[in-house]
Amino acid sequence: MSVGEQLTAGGGPDDGGPPHSILLAEDELLVRLCIAQELRDVGYFVHEAADADEALSIVGKKNVALLITDIRMPGPLDGLELAKQVREAHPQTRIVLMSGNITRKTEKYDGSFVKPVRISDLIVGIRKLLPETA
């Protein structure tokens, strides 16, 4: 099982888990692992992706309610392009951006956080976007 497919302690079906799963796209391994574990600890089902291509692959196969993505990532697609493609293909998916430099380009998405992200603020924001999972 890849890191991007790890299950929560409570488990979940391999077909995408519960309908309120989160996809975390973050290229910095330690940041991704820390945020993902904190989200799992409060009960969310989290998929992980190290870049935008991996994230697009997961979104195409899993039922993702929320995408949290870093804006700056390696590879041909950055987080803004990832967000744009996910919004076009899956308009029901909520999108939150993270970056050390938040710009006006992020206003069309559901939320944004300046890095370093305070986990407590991120969890509050997620609960507002996905209240039925709080």
C-alpha atoms as a PDB file:
ATOM      1  CA  MET A   1       0.000   0.000   0.000  1.00  0.00           C
ATOM      2  CA  SER A   2       1.467   3.362  -0.981  1.00  0.00           C
ATOM      3  CA  VAL A   3       1.637   6.338   1.356  1.00  0.00           C
ATOM      4  CA  GLY A   4      -1.158   7.932  -0.685  1.00  0.00           C
ATOM      5  CA  GLU A   5      -3.477   5.036   0.120  1.00  0.00           C
ATOM      6  CA  GLN A   6      -2.913   4.670   3.854  1.00  0.00           C
ATOM      7  CA  LEU A   7      -6.071   3.999   5.810  1.00  0.00           C
ATOM      8  CA  THR A   8      -7.180   5.652   8.983  1.00  0.00           C
ATOM      9  CA  ALA A   9      -7.130   3.638  12.174  1.00  0.00           C
ATOM     10  CA  GLY A  10     -10.811   2.929  11.617  1.00  0.00           C
ATOM     11  CA  GLY A  11     -10.149   1.648   8.125  1.00  0.00           C
ATOM     12  CA  GLY A  12     -12.302   2.187   5.077  1.00  0.00           C
ATOM     13  CA  PRO A  13     -13.072   0.477   1.810  1.00  0.00           C
ATOM     14  CA  ASP A  14     -10.349   0.448  -0.830  1.00  0.00           C
ATOM     15  CA  ASP A  15     -12.777   2.030  -3.328  1.00  0.00           C
ATOM     16  CA  GLY A  16     -12.098   5.478  -1.887  1.00  0.00           C
ATOM     17  CA  GLY A  17     -13.149   5.170   1.710  1.00  0.00           C
ATOM     18  CA  PRO A  18     -15.903   7.198   3.226  1.00  0.00           C
ATOM     19  CA  PRO A  19     -17.465   9.900   1.068  1.00  0.00           C
ATOM     20  CA  HIS A  20     -15.764  12.656   3.068  1.00  0.00           C
ATOM     21  CA  SER A  21     -12.137  11.890   2.442  1.00  0.00           C
ATOM     22  CA  ILE A  22      -9.395  14.483   2.089  1.00  0.00           C
ATOM     23  CA  LEU A  23      -6.577  14.538  -0.451  1.00  0.00           C
ATOM     24  CA  LEU A  24      -3.445  16.282   0.809  1.00  0.00           C
ATOM     25  CA  ALA A  25      -1.026  17.291  -1.971  1.00  0.00           C
ATOM     26  CA  GLU A  26       2.258  18.454  -0.455  1.00  0.00           C
ATOM     27  CA  ASP A  27       5.757  17.826  -1.782  1.00  0.00           C
ATOM     28  CA  GLU A  28       7.565  18.352   1.540  1.00  0.00           C
ATOM     29  CA  LEU A  29       7.481  14.874   3.072  1.00  0.00           C
ATOM     30  CA  LEU A  30       7.659  15.850   6.748  1.00  0.00           C
ATOM     31  CA  VAL A  31       5.018  18.574   6.343  1.00  0.00           C
ATOM     32  CA  ARG A  32       2.724  16.144   4.499  1.00  0.00           C
ATOM     33  CA  LEU A  33       3.173  13.367   7.049  1.00  0.00           C
ATOM     34  CA  CYS A  34       2.568  15.718   9.977  1.00  0.00           C
ATOM     35  CA  ILE A  35      -0.581  17.316   8.540  1.00  0.00           C
ATOM     36  CA  ALA A  36      -1.965  13.985   7.354  1.00  0.00           C
ATOM     37  CA  GLN A  37      -1.475  12.382  10.763  1.00  0.00           C
ATOM     38  CA  GLU A  38      -3.072  15.313  12.573  1.00  0.00           C
ATOM     39  CA  LEU A  39      -6.101  15.067  10.264  1.00  0.00           C
ATOM     40  CA  ARG A  40      -6.315  11.311  10.811  1.00  0.00           C
ATOM     41  CA  ASP A  41      -6.088  11.838  14.561  1.00  0.00           C
ATOM     42  CA  VAL A  42      -9.285  13.909  14.467  1.00  0.00           C
ATOM     43  CA  GLY A  43     -11.074  11.319  12.353  1.00  0.00           C
ATOM     44  CA  TYR A  44     -10.575  12.221   8.694  1.00  0.00           C
ATOM     45  CA  PHE A  45      -9.715   9.727   5.974  1.00  0.00           C
ATOM     46  CA  VAL A  46      -6.626  11.149   4.230  1.00  0.00           C
ATOM     47  CA  HIS A  47      -5.041  10.314   0.877  1.00  0.00           C
ATOM     48  CA  GLU A  48      -1.558  11.710   0.295  1.00  0.00           C
ATOM     49  CA  ALA A  49       0.165  12.912  -2.875  1.00  0.00           C
ATOM     50  CA  ALA A  50       3.714  14.196  -3.303  1.00  0.00           C
ATOM     51  CA  ASP A  51       2.961  16.158  -6.479  1.00  0.00           C
ATOM     52  CA  ALA A  52       0.111  17.330  -8.697  1.00  0.00           C
ATOM     53  CA  ASP A  53       0.295  14.359 -11.082  1.00  0.00           C
ATOM     54  CA  GLU A  54      -0.095  11.897  -8.221  1.00  0.00           C
ATOM     55  CA  ALA A  55      -2.941  13.999  -6.812  1.00  0.00           C
ATOM     56  CA  LEU A  56      -4.790  13.996 -10.151  1.00  0.00           C
ATOM     57  CA  SER A  57      -4.454  10.223 -10.320  1.00  0.00           C
ATOM     58  CA  ILE A  58      -5.965   9.855  -6.838  1.00  0.00           C
ATOM     59  CA  VAL A  59      -8.813  12.305  -7.522  1.00  0.00           C
ATOM     60  CA  GLY A  60      -9.669  10.309 -10.645  1.00  0.00           C
ATOM     61  CA  LYS A  61      -9.971   7.059  -8.667  1.00  0.00           C
ATOM     62  CA  LYS A  62     -11.216   8.062  -5.217  1.00  0.00           C
ATOM     63  CA  ASN A  63     -14.185   9.929  -3.792  1.00  0.00           C
ATOM     64  CA  VAL A  64     -12.498  13.097  -2.522  1.00  0.00           C
ATOM     65  CA  ALA A  65     -14.571  15.709  -0.710  1.00  0.00           C
ATOM     66  CA  LEU A  66     -11.682  18.115  -0.078  1.00  0.00           C
ATOM     67  CA  LEU A  67      -8.357  18.807  -1.772  1.00  0.00           C
ATOM     68  CA  ILE A  68      -5.709  20.564   0.310  1.00  0.00           C
ATOM     69  CA  THR A  69      -2.773  21.507  -1.874  1.00  0.00           C
ATOM     70  CA  ASP A  70       0.456  23.388  -1.592  1.00  0.00           C
ATOM     71  CA  ILE A  71       0.793  25.948  -4.390  1.00  0.00           C
ATOM     72  CA  ARG A  72       4.485  25.392  -5.083  1.00  0.00           C
ATOM     73  CA  MET A  73       5.243  21.818  -6.063  1.00  0.00           C
ATOM     74  CA  PRO A  74       7.791  20.222  -8.382  1.00  0.00           C
ATOM     75  CA  GLY A  75       6.861  18.961 -11.802  1.00  0.00           C
ATOM     76  CA  PRO A  76       4.940  20.359 -14.729  1.00  0.00           C
ATOM     77  CA  LEU A  77       1.849  21.197 -12.656  1.00  0.00           C
ATOM     78  CA  ASP A  78       1.820  23.429  -9.610  1.00  0.00           C
ATOM     79  CA  GLY A  79      -0.901  23.568  -6.965  1.00  0.00           C
ATOM     80  CA  LEU A  80      -2.863  26.303  -8.754  1.00  0.00           C
ATOM     81  CA  GLU A  81      -3.042  24.259 -11.934  1.00  0.00           C
ATOM     82  CA  LEU A  82      -3.982  21.186  -9.885  1.00  0.00           C
ATOM     83  CA  ALA A  83      -6.763  23.168  -8.197  1.00  0.00           C
ATOM     84  CA  LYS A  84      -7.999  24.437 -11.567  1.00  0.00           C
ATOM     85  CA  GLN A  85      -8.123  20.947 -13.091  1.00  0.00           C
ATOM     86  CA  VAL A  86      -9.835  19.433 -10.041  1.00  0.00           C
ATOM     87  CA  ARG A  87     -12.408  22.247  -9.991  1.00  0.00           C
ATOM     88  CA  GLU A  88     -13.186  21.671 -13.693  1.00  0.00           C
ATOM     89  CA  ALA A  89     -13.415  17.869 -13.466  1.00  0.00           C
ATOM     90  CA  HIS A  90     -14.939  17.601  -9.963  1.00  0.00           C
ATOM     91  CA  PRO A  91     -16.815  20.841  -9.173  1.00  0.00           C
ATOM     92  CA  GLN A  92     -18.259  19.350  -5.974  1.00  0.00           C
ATOM     93  CA  THR A  93     -14.784  18.894  -4.468  1.00  0.00           C
ATOM     94  CA  ARG A  94     -13.854  21.645  -2.023  1.00  0.00           C
ATOM     95  CA  ILE A  95     -10.374  23.120  -2.522  1.00  0.00           C
ATOM     96  CA  VAL A  96      -8.030  24.697   0.028  1.00  0.00           C
ATOM     97  CA  LEU A  97      -4.646  26.140  -0.938  1.00  0.00           C
ATOM     98  CA  MET A  98      -1.531  26.436   1.227  1.00  0.00           C
ATOM     99  CA  SER A  99       1.492  28.575   0.499  1.00  0.00           C
ATOM    100  CA  GLY A 100       4.045  30.875   2.000  1.00  0.00           C
ATOM    101  CA  ASN A 101       2.692  33.486  -0.403  1.00  0.00           C
ATOM    102  CA  ILE A 102      -1.087  33.656  -0.799  1.00  0.00           C
ATOM    103  CA  THR A 103      -2.251  35.850  -3.689  1.00  0.00           C
ATOM    104  CA  ARG A 104      -5.540  37.014  -5.119  1.00  0.00           C
ATOM    105  CA  LYS A 105      -5.489  33.989  -7.467  1.00  0.00           C
ATOM    106  CA  THR A 106      -6.646  31.879  -4.524  1.00  0.00           C
ATOM    107  CA  GLU A 107      -9.902  33.807  -3.973  1.00  0.00           C
ATOM    108  CA  LYS A 108     -11.915  31.550  -6.305  1.00  0.00           C
ATOM    109  CA  TYR A 109     -11.250  28.523  -4.120  1.00  0.00           C
ATOM    110  CA  ASP A 110     -12.825  27.519  -0.803  1.00  0.00           C
ATOM    111  CA  GLY A 111     -10.012  28.562   1.480  1.00  0.00           C
ATOM    112  CA  SER A 112      -6.323  29.310   1.848  1.00  0.00           C
ATOM    113  CA  PHE A 113      -3.716  29.091   4.586  1.00  0.00           C
ATOM    114  CA  VAL A 114      -0.335  30.756   4.847  1.00  0.00           C
ATOM    115  CA  LYS A 115       2.482  28.326   5.632  1.00  0.00           C
ATOM    116  CA  PRO A 116       3.531  27.362   8.165  1.00  0.00           C
ATOM    117  CA  VAL A 117      -0.033  26.247   8.787  1.00  0.00           C
ATOM    118  CA  ARG A 118      -1.367  26.057  12.327  1.00  0.00           C
ATOM    119  CA  ILE A 119      -3.026  22.645  12.455  1.00  0.00           C
ATOM    120  CA  SER A 120      -5.792  23.877  14.763  1.00  0.00           C
ATOM    121  CA  ASP A 121      -6.718  26.596  12.236  1.00  0.00           C
ATOM    122  CA  LEU A 122      -6.668  24.086   9.395  1.00  0.00           C
ATOM    123  CA  ILE A 123      -8.980  21.706  11.273  1.00  0.00           C
ATOM    124  CA  VAL A 124     -11.421  24.539  12.074  1.00  0.00           C
ATOM    125  CA  GLY A 125     -11.432  25.498   8.390  1.00  0.00           C
ATOM    126  CA  ILE A 126     -12.037  21.918   7.279  1.00  0.00           C
ATOM    127  CA  ARG A 127     -14.902  21.508   9.725  1.00  0.00           C
ATOM    128  CA  LYS A 128     -16.542  24.614   8.246  1.00  0.00           C
ATOM    129  CA  LEU A 129     -16.190  23.206   4.726  1.00  0.00           C
ATOM    130  CA  LEU A 130     -17.253  19.660   5.659  1.00  0.00           C
ATOM    131  CA  PRO A 131     -19.594  20.214   8.629  1.00  0.00           C
ATOM    132  CA  GLU A 132     -21.263  16.827   8.293  1.00  0.00           C
ATOM    133  CA  THR A 133     -17.959  15.133   9.181  1.00  0.00           C
ATOM    134  CA  ALA A 134     -17.162  17.249  12.240  1.00  0.00           C
END
